[in-house]
């Protein structure tokens, strides 16, 4: 599996470099373009899930444990956390967003029936994995409901309701904009709240950010290939997400030129991530307890992230499979999606399914797409000089889509 993910990363980075060099100044316009802030909000909240909220406080002790020095000792725990979530790996989202916005309309690789079917299996499986993570981590953040370790019936009910809410909100595109911007603002509000609650101060924040940037960018090359099995799990996870997030967000690209799109995707989401991890790291190093109101606040934001992510992906695979509310009826559409996702969530929770399998499958899709272009569409792709003509930079188009 290590060889598969290493090959996938190197392939993706090579394709990023090719796209940037080949189409450096091309203006990318999606089907329903939105302003930059809305686009970044959609990307940020769709491309990240509840793990961003719930993982770090449990991971910092592992990264700081001397027993793991052989793996993580080359830098500090804060830089390790950021390296697993920020900057470089957002290049995957640039690649897929650019591809589906500019290249795929000429190639139609994902319209091939078998590819479409396999792609949607990946999307559905990854949706369920997101919900299963939320289910597994709920006891830690709401110990008041149980013993803080065991998944009990109440947690299954909570996850079921979250999937139900996501299925309902996916029936209309207007919910995506509301959820994305709302989730982003809630996340920023959570950062401020936890910063003030801890009495952190700007000096401590600056110190942590300095520790993060020097520790990460001074060792960025070490994050390209798997550090260990756990980092490998993260990388497969990012690959599993990459195609479907690019497919979904490509429609919202609002006229950014290629180099600006790359810069925006690498830098803009990384800023709130760096600040968030710096605040959480302060809680870790200062030994501040988050039990009570802080945990509740984190769970609320985590729930909005899960709903937002599932909303986006349910809409994506439903559109791809022509299983729309118009065709199935709103309640038939909702019931079908809830049944499938909740069932698969239970399969992931029992570890019957693994996200690594899906990530490896996505690497195969990347490779198949490259070969397809080289064999059948090379001239068409090399002749691309602009976004599809039918994609007009009109920020009001999205208001007419449901």
Protein backbone atom coordinates (compact mmCIF):
# COMPACT_ATOMS: atom_id res chain seq x y z
CA UNK A 1 0.00 0.00 0.00
CA UNK A 2 2.92 2.36 0.68
CA UNK A 3 4.13 2.01 -2.90
CA UNK A 4 0.63 2.77 -4.22
CA UNK A 5 0.19 5.98 -2.24
CA UNK A 6 3.75 7.14 -2.93
CA UNK A 7 3.21 6.65 -6.65
CA UNK A 8 -0.14 8.46 -6.43
CA UNK A 9 1.33 11.48 -4.66
CA UNK A 10 4.24 11.82 -7.09
CA UNK A 11 1.84 11.47 -10.04
CA UNK A 12 -0.50 14.11 -8.61
CA UNK A 13 2.32 16.58 -7.92
CA UNK A 14 3.71 16.06 -11.42
CA UNK A 15 0.26 16.76 -12.89
CA UNK A 16 -0.08 19.90 -10.74
CA UNK A 17 3.24 21.16 -12.11
CA UNK A 18 2.17 20.35 -15.68
CA UNK A 19 -1.18 22.17 -15.36
CA UNK A 20 0.40 25.26 -13.84
CA UNK A 21 3.14 25.46 -16.49
CA UNK A 22 0.91 24.60 -19.44
CA UNK A 23 -2.05 26.83 -18.51
CA UNK A 24 -0.34 29.42 -16.28
CA UNK A 25 -2.57 32.35 -17.23
CA UNK A 26 -5.79 30.58 -18.25
CA UNK A 27 -8.90 31.98 -16.57
CA UNK A 28 -10.89 29.13 -15.02
CA UNK A 29 -14.67 29.63 -14.96
CA UNK A 30 -17.08 27.03 -13.61
CA UNK A 31 -20.64 26.27 -14.63
CA UNK A 32 -22.08 28.29 -11.74
CA UNK A 33 -19.26 30.63 -10.64
CA UNK A 34 -19.29 32.34 -7.25
CA UNK A 35 -17.09 35.05 -5.66
CA UNK A 36 -13.77 33.99 -4.17
CA UNK A 37 -14.88 34.02 -0.51
CA UNK A 38 -17.89 31.82 -1.25
CA UNK A 39 -15.77 29.48 -3.38
CA UNK A 40 -13.15 29.09 -0.63
CA UNK A 41 -15.92 28.58 1.96
CA UNK A 42 -17.49 25.83 -0.17
CA UNK A 43 -14.11 24.20 -0.76
CA UNK A 44 -13.01 24.52 2.86
CA UNK A 45 -16.13 23.10 4.44
CA UNK A 46 -16.75 20.47 1.75
CA UNK A 47 -13.10 19.42 1.54
CA UNK A 48 -12.65 19.01 5.29
CA UNK A 49 -14.69 16.97 7.70
CA UNK A 50 -15.24 16.42 11.37
CA UNK A 51 -11.72 15.03 11.80
CA UNK A 52 -10.39 18.60 11.66
CA UNK A 53 -12.34 19.40 14.83
CA UNK A 54 -12.04 16.11 16.67
CA UNK A 55 -8.62 14.66 15.83
CA UNK A 56 -5.93 17.17 16.94
CA UNK A 57 -6.35 17.09 20.73
CA UNK A 58 -6.07 13.32 20.63
CA UNK A 59 -3.13 13.34 18.23
CA UNK A 60 -0.80 15.91 19.84
CA UNK A 61 0.15 13.54 22.71
CA UNK A 62 1.04 10.83 20.18
CA UNK A 63 3.22 13.16 18.12
CA UNK A 64 4.97 14.37 21.30
CA UNK A 65 5.53 10.90 22.77
CA UNK A 66 9.28 10.07 22.91
CA UNK A 67 8.38 6.50 21.96
CA UNK A 68 7.43 7.84 18.51
CA UNK A 69 10.56 9.97 18.10
CA UNK A 70 11.83 7.82 15.26
CA UNK A 71 8.78 8.78 13.20
CA UNK A 72 7.95 12.30 14.35
CA UNK A 73 11.16 13.50 15.97
CA UNK A 74 12.30 15.53 12.96
CA UNK A 75 9.94 18.38 13.91
CA UNK A 76 7.41 19.49 16.53
CA UNK A 77 3.88 18.05 17.06
CA UNK A 78 2.22 21.24 15.84
CA UNK A 79 4.05 21.07 12.51
CA UNK A 80 3.17 17.37 12.19
CA UNK A 81 -0.54 18.14 12.66
CA UNK A 82 -0.44 20.94 10.11
CA UNK A 83 1.51 18.74 7.69
CA UNK A 84 -1.24 16.14 7.81
CA UNK A 85 -3.96 18.71 7.05
CA UNK A 86 -2.53 21.82 5.40
CA UNK A 87 -0.80 23.49 2.49
CA UNK A 88 0.88 20.91 0.21
CA UNK A 89 -1.93 18.36 0.17
CA UNK A 90 -4.41 21.03 -0.93
CA UNK A 91 -2.59 20.75 -4.24
CA UNK A 92 -4.70 17.61 -4.80
CA UNK A 93 -7.83 19.76 -4.67
CA UNK A 94 -6.31 22.28 -7.07
CA UNK A 95 -5.55 19.50 -9.54
CA UNK A 96 -9.03 18.00 -9.49
CA UNK A 97 -10.87 21.35 -9.39
CA UNK A 98 -8.88 22.60 -12.38
CA UNK A 99 -9.32 19.31 -14.22
CA UNK A 100 -13.10 19.18 -13.85
CA UNK A 101 -13.47 22.89 -14.61
CA UNK A 102 -11.23 23.09 -17.68
CA UNK A 103 -10.11 19.66 -18.94
CA UNK A 104 -12.90 17.15 -18.27
CA UNK A 105 -15.47 19.01 -20.46
CA UNK A 106 -13.19 18.20 -23.43
CA UNK A 107 -12.21 14.69 -22.30
CA UNK A 108 -15.47 13.24 -20.87
CA UNK A 109 -13.54 10.47 -19.11
CA UNK A 110 -15.92 10.51 -16.14
CA UNK A 111 -18.89 10.15 -18.50
CA UNK A 112 -17.73 6.67 -19.47
CA UNK A 113 -20.39 4.43 -17.85
CA UNK A 114 -17.97 2.15 -15.97
CA UNK A 115 -15.88 5.10 -14.72
CA UNK A 116 -19.02 6.94 -13.64
CA UNK A 117 -20.22 3.91 -11.70
CA UNK A 118 -16.87 3.36 -9.97
CA UNK A 119 -16.50 7.06 -9.18
CA UNK A 120 -19.90 7.14 -7.51
CA UNK A 121 -19.10 4.05 -5.47
CA UNK A 122 -16.04 5.94 -4.21
CA UNK A 123 -18.16 9.00 -3.35
CA UNK A 124 -20.81 7.00 -1.49
CA UNK A 125 -18.19 5.03 0.43
CA UNK A 126 -16.29 8.15 1.46
CA UNK A 127 -19.51 9.81 2.62
CA UNK A 128 -20.14 6.87 4.90
CA UNK A 129 -16.57 6.96 6.21
CA UNK A 130 -17.05 10.62 7.20
CA UNK A 131 -20.17 9.74 9.17
CA UNK A 132 -18.42 6.77 10.80
CA UNK A 133 -15.58 9.00 12.04
CA UNK A 134 -18.12 11.29 13.63
CA UNK A 135 -19.78 8.30 15.29
CA UNK A 136 -16.50 6.93 16.65
CA UNK A 137 -15.33 10.24 18.12
CA UNK A 138 -18.61 11.39 19.67
CA UNK A 139 -18.10 9.58 23.02
CA UNK A 140 -14.84 11.45 23.63
CA UNK A 141 -16.49 14.84 23.11
CA UNK A 142 -19.79 14.14 24.86
CA UNK A 143 -18.78 11.96 27.83
CA UNK A 144 -21.82 13.27 29.70
CA UNK A 145 -24.02 11.00 27.58
CA UNK A 146 -21.99 7.82 28.11
CA UNK A 147 -18.74 6.63 29.63
CA UNK A 148 -16.58 8.65 27.25
CA UNK A 149 -15.44 5.57 25.34
CA UNK A 150 -18.39 3.44 24.23
CA UNK A 151 -20.63 4.17 21.26
CA UNK A 152 -24.16 3.83 22.61
CA UNK A 153 -27.62 4.02 21.04
CA UNK A 154 -27.86 7.79 21.53
CA UNK A 155 -24.80 8.35 19.36
CA UNK A 156 -26.26 6.21 16.57
CA UNK A 157 -29.40 8.35 16.74
CA UNK A 158 -27.34 11.55 16.50
CA UNK A 159 -25.46 10.29 13.44
CA UNK A 160 -28.69 9.09 11.82
CA UNK A 161 -30.20 12.58 12.30
CA UNK A 162 -27.07 14.20 10.83
CA UNK A 163 -27.29 12.01 7.72
CA UNK A 164 -31.01 12.80 7.48
CA UNK A 165 -30.32 16.55 7.69
CA UNK A 166 -27.62 16.28 5.02
CA UNK A 167 -29.89 14.30 2.69
CA UNK A 168 -32.64 16.90 3.11
CA UNK A 169 -30.34 19.89 2.57
CA UNK A 170 -28.89 18.28 -0.58
CA UNK A 171 -32.29 18.64 -2.27
CA UNK A 172 -31.58 22.29 -3.09
CA UNK A 173 -28.29 23.99 -4.00
CA UNK A 174 -29.19 27.06 -1.94
CA UNK A 175 -28.47 25.03 1.20
CA UNK A 176 -24.88 24.45 0.04
CA UNK A 177 -24.14 28.17 0.00
CA UNK A 178 -25.81 28.75 3.34
CA UNK A 179 -24.12 25.76 4.98
CA UNK A 180 -20.68 26.52 3.53
CA UNK A 181 -20.56 30.17 4.51
CA UNK A 182 -22.30 29.44 7.82
CA UNK A 183 -19.90 26.59 8.66
CA UNK A 184 -16.91 28.78 7.86
CA UNK A 185 -18.15 31.60 10.07
CA UNK A 186 -18.96 29.15 12.89
CA UNK A 187 -15.48 27.66 12.62
CA UNK A 188 -13.87 31.10 12.79
CA UNK A 189 -16.12 31.94 15.74
CA UNK A 190 -15.03 28.73 17.49
CA UNK A 191 -11.39 29.69 17.05
CA UNK A 192 -12.00 33.12 18.60
CA UNK A 193 -14.06 31.65 21.43
CA UNK A 194 -11.44 29.06 22.36
CA UNK A 195 -8.64 31.64 22.03
CA UNK A 196 -10.37 33.99 24.46
CA UNK A 197 -11.51 31.21 26.81
CA UNK A 198 -7.94 29.96 27.22
CA UNK A 199 -6.54 33.47 27.79
CA UNK A 200 -3.98 32.63 25.16
CA UNK A 201 -2.75 36.07 24.17
CA UNK A 202 -1.15 37.24 20.93
CA UNK A 203 2.34 36.41 22.19
CA UNK A 204 1.51 32.73 22.61
CA UNK A 205 -0.30 32.68 19.29
CA UNK A 206 2.69 34.22 17.51
CA UNK A 207 5.04 31.75 19.20
CA UNK A 208 2.93 28.76 18.14
CA UNK A 209 2.54 30.01 14.57
CA UNK A 210 6.29 30.51 14.35
CA UNK A 211 6.86 27.00 15.66
CA UNK A 212 4.39 25.66 13.10
CA UNK A 213 5.77 27.47 10.06
CA UNK A 214 9.44 26.80 10.77
CA UNK A 215 8.76 23.20 11.74
CA UNK A 216 6.62 22.52 8.68
CA UNK A 217 8.20 24.48 5.85
CA UNK A 218 11.68 23.54 7.00
CA UNK A 219 10.70 19.89 6.60
CA UNK A 220 8.04 20.07 3.89
CA UNK A 221 9.82 17.48 1.75
CA UNK A 222 9.32 14.87 4.48
CA UNK A 223 5.53 15.15 4.19
CA UNK A 224 5.46 14.18 0.51
CA UNK A 225 5.78 10.45 1.13
CA UNK A 226 4.34 8.51 4.09
CA UNK A 227 6.15 9.06 7.39
CA UNK A 228 4.53 5.92 8.83
CA UNK A 229 1.31 3.91 8.61
CA UNK A 230 -0.75 6.65 10.25
CA UNK A 231 0.44 9.32 7.81
CA UNK A 232 -0.24 6.83 5.03
CA UNK A 233 -3.84 6.54 6.30
CA UNK A 234 -4.17 10.34 6.06
CA UNK A 235 -2.79 10.43 2.54
CA UNK A 236 -5.15 7.70 1.33
CA UNK A 237 -7.94 9.67 3.00
CA UNK A 238 -7.03 12.82 1.06
CA UNK A 239 -6.88 10.86 -2.19
CA UNK A 240 -10.28 9.34 -1.49
CA UNK A 241 -11.70 12.85 -1.17
CA UNK A 242 -9.79 14.50 -4.01
CA UNK A 243 -11.73 13.54 -7.13
CA UNK A 244 -15.19 14.08 -5.69
CA UNK A 245 -14.30 17.41 -4.07
CA UNK A 246 -12.77 18.64 -7.30
CA UNK A 247 -15.81 17.45 -9.24
CA UNK A 248 -18.14 19.31 -6.90
CA UNK A 249 -16.19 22.56 -6.42
CA UNK A 250 -15.17 22.94 -10.07
CA UNK A 251 -18.64 24.26 -10.87
CA UNK A 252 -18.10 27.20 -8.50
CA UNK A 253 -14.69 28.44 -9.76
CA UNK A 254 -15.12 32.16 -10.32
CA UNK A 255 -12.65 33.31 -12.97
CA UNK A 256 -9.35 32.84 -11.16
CA UNK A 257 -6.32 32.37 -13.36
CA UNK A 258 -4.50 29.07 -12.94
CA UNK A 259 -1.62 30.36 -10.83
CA UNK A 260 -4.02 32.34 -8.64
CA UNK A 261 -6.27 29.31 -8.18
CA UNK A 262 -3.28 27.24 -7.04
CA UNK A 263 -2.13 29.99 -4.69
CA UNK A 264 -5.62 30.44 -3.28
CA UNK A 265 -6.07 26.73 -2.60
CA UNK A 266 -2.66 26.29 -1.00
CA UNK A 267 -2.59 29.45 1.12
CA UNK A 268 -6.11 30.63 1.97
CA UNK A 269 -7.40 27.42 3.64
CA UNK A 270 -4.04 26.90 5.35
CA UNK A 271 -4.30 30.17 7.30
CA UNK A 272 -7.35 29.25 9.43
CA UNK A 273 -5.96 25.72 9.77
CA UNK A 274 -2.67 27.05 11.15
CA UNK A 275 -4.49 29.34 13.60
CA UNK A 276 -6.86 26.56 14.69
CA UNK A 277 -4.06 24.09 15.35
CA UNK A 278 -2.07 26.76 17.19
CA UNK A 279 -5.00 27.39 19.54
CA UNK A 280 -5.55 23.67 20.16
CA UNK A 281 -1.83 23.15 20.71
CA UNK A 282 -1.96 25.78 23.44
CA UNK A 283 -4.72 23.76 25.13
CA UNK A 284 -2.52 20.68 24.86
CA UNK A 285 0.68 22.23 26.21
CA UNK A 286 -1.12 24.18 28.97
CA UNK A 287 -3.19 21.16 29.99
CA UNK A 288 -6.49 23.05 29.65
CA UNK A 289 -9.56 20.82 30.02
CA UNK A 290 -12.18 21.11 27.27
CA UNK A 291 -14.92 19.17 29.07
CA UNK A 292 -18.29 20.92 29.08
CA UNK A 293 -19.08 23.99 27.04
CA UNK A 294 -15.95 23.76 24.85
CA UNK A 295 -16.66 20.17 23.86
CA UNK A 296 -20.27 21.06 23.11
CA UNK A 297 -19.17 23.98 20.93
CA UNK A 298 -16.73 21.73 19.06
CA UNK A 299 -19.41 19.08 18.52
CA UNK A 300 -21.84 21.70 17.15
CA UNK A 301 -19.26 22.93 14.64
CA UNK A 302 -18.32 19.33 13.87
CA UNK A 303 -21.96 18.52 13.12
CA UNK A 304 -22.22 21.44 10.69
CA UNK A 305 -19.04 20.25 8.97
CA UNK A 306 -20.42 16.73 8.61
CA UNK A 307 -23.77 17.96 7.28
CA UNK A 308 -22.01 20.30 4.87
CA UNK A 309 -19.66 17.61 3.56
CA UNK A 310 -22.37 14.99 3.18
CA UNK A 311 -24.73 17.52 1.60
CA UNK A 312 -22.19 18.30 -1.12
CA UNK A 313 -21.31 14.70 -1.84
CA UNK A 314 -24.87 13.35 -1.74
CA UNK A 315 -25.85 15.95 -4.32
CA UNK A 316 -22.82 15.02 -6.43
CA UNK A 317 -23.38 11.27 -6.66
CA UNK A 318 -27.17 11.71 -6.90
CA UNK A 319 -26.75 14.01 -9.90
CA UNK A 320 -24.20 11.66 -11.46
CA UNK A 321 -26.56 8.68 -11.11
CA UNK A 322 -29.65 10.69 -12.12
CA UNK A 323 -31.18 9.89 -8.73
CA UNK A 324 -32.50 13.41 -8.23
CA UNK A 325 -35.39 14.64 -6.06
CA UNK A 326 -37.29 15.48 -9.24
CA UNK A 327 -37.04 11.89 -10.44
CA UNK A 328 -37.49 10.03 -7.14
CA UNK A 329 -39.58 12.56 -5.26
CA UNK A 330 -38.13 14.49 -2.36
CA UNK A 331 -38.98 11.95 0.34
CA UNK A 332 -38.02 8.93 -1.76
CA UNK A 333 -34.71 10.62 -2.53
CA UNK A 334 -34.09 11.37 1.16
CA UNK A 335 -35.08 7.90 2.36
CA UNK A 336 -32.88 6.14 -0.20
CA UNK A 337 -29.80 8.21 0.62
CA UNK A 338 -30.27 7.86 4.37
CA UNK A 339 -30.67 4.07 4.14
CA UNK A 340 -27.54 3.60 2.00
CA UNK A 341 -25.30 5.95 3.96
CA UNK A 342 -26.34 4.81 7.41
CA UNK A 343 -25.84 1.18 6.44
CA UNK A 344 -22.36 1.87 5.07
CA UNK A 345 -21.55 3.99 8.12
CA UNK A 346 -22.13 0.93 10.28
CA UNK A 347 -19.88 -1.10 7.96
CA UNK A 348 -17.03 1.40 8.38
CA UNK A 349 -17.61 1.65 12.12
CA UNK A 350 -17.18 -2.12 12.40
CA UNK A 351 -14.03 -1.82 10.22
CA UNK A 352 -15.54 -4.07 7.61
CA UNK A 353 -14.54 -1.36 5.12
CA UNK A 354 -11.29 0.66 5.10
CA UNK A 355 -10.69 4.15 3.66
CA UNK A 356 -7.26 2.96 2.46
CA UNK A 357 -8.97 0.68 -0.05
CA UNK A 358 -10.95 3.59 -1.46
CA UNK A 359 -7.86 5.82 -1.61
CA UNK A 360 -5.93 3.14 -3.50
CA UNK A 361 -8.84 2.79 -5.91
CA UNK A 362 -8.75 6.55 -6.56
CA UNK A 363 -5.03 6.35 -7.40
CA UNK A 364 -6.04 3.80 -10.04
CA UNK A 365 -8.66 6.21 -11.43
CA UNK A 366 -6.00 8.95 -11.67
CA UNK A 367 -3.72 6.64 -13.64
CA UNK A 368 -6.50 5.39 -15.92
CA UNK A 369 -7.51 8.99 -16.71
CA UNK A 370 -3.94 9.92 -17.63
CA UNK A 371 -3.63 6.91 -19.95
CA UNK A 372 -7.01 7.67 -21.52
CA UNK A 373 -5.94 11.23 -22.30
CA UNK A 374 -2.56 10.15 -23.68
CA UNK A 375 -4.12 7.49 -25.92
CA UNK A 376 -7.30 9.24 -27.11
CA UNK A 377 -7.50 12.89 -26.11
CA UNK A 378 -3.94 14.21 -26.10
CA UNK A 379 -4.43 16.65 -28.99
CA UNK A 380 -7.72 17.93 -27.58
CA UNK A 381 -6.17 18.59 -24.19
CA UNK A 382 -3.03 20.21 -25.55
CA UNK A 383 -5.19 22.55 -27.64
CA UNK A 384 -7.07 23.94 -24.61
CA UNK A 385 -6.63 27.69 -24.30
CA UNK A 386 -9.63 28.69 -22.17
CA UNK A 387 -12.50 27.39 -20.09
CA UNK A 388 -15.48 25.98 -22.02
CA UNK A 389 -17.24 28.77 -23.95
CA UNK A 390 -20.59 28.06 -22.30
CA UNK A 391 -19.14 28.85 -18.86
CA UNK A 392 -19.80 32.56 -18.39
CA UNK A 393 -18.48 34.57 -15.47
CA UNK A 394 -21.87 35.48 -14.01
CA UNK A 395 -22.12 35.31 -10.24
CA UNK A 396 -25.91 35.42 -10.43
CA UNK A 397 -26.22 32.11 -12.32
CA UNK A 398 -26.01 30.11 -9.10
CA UNK A 399 -29.18 31.77 -7.81
CA UNK A 400 -31.22 30.09 -10.55
CA UNK A 401 -29.91 26.57 -9.80
CA UNK A 402 -31.74 24.23 -7.42
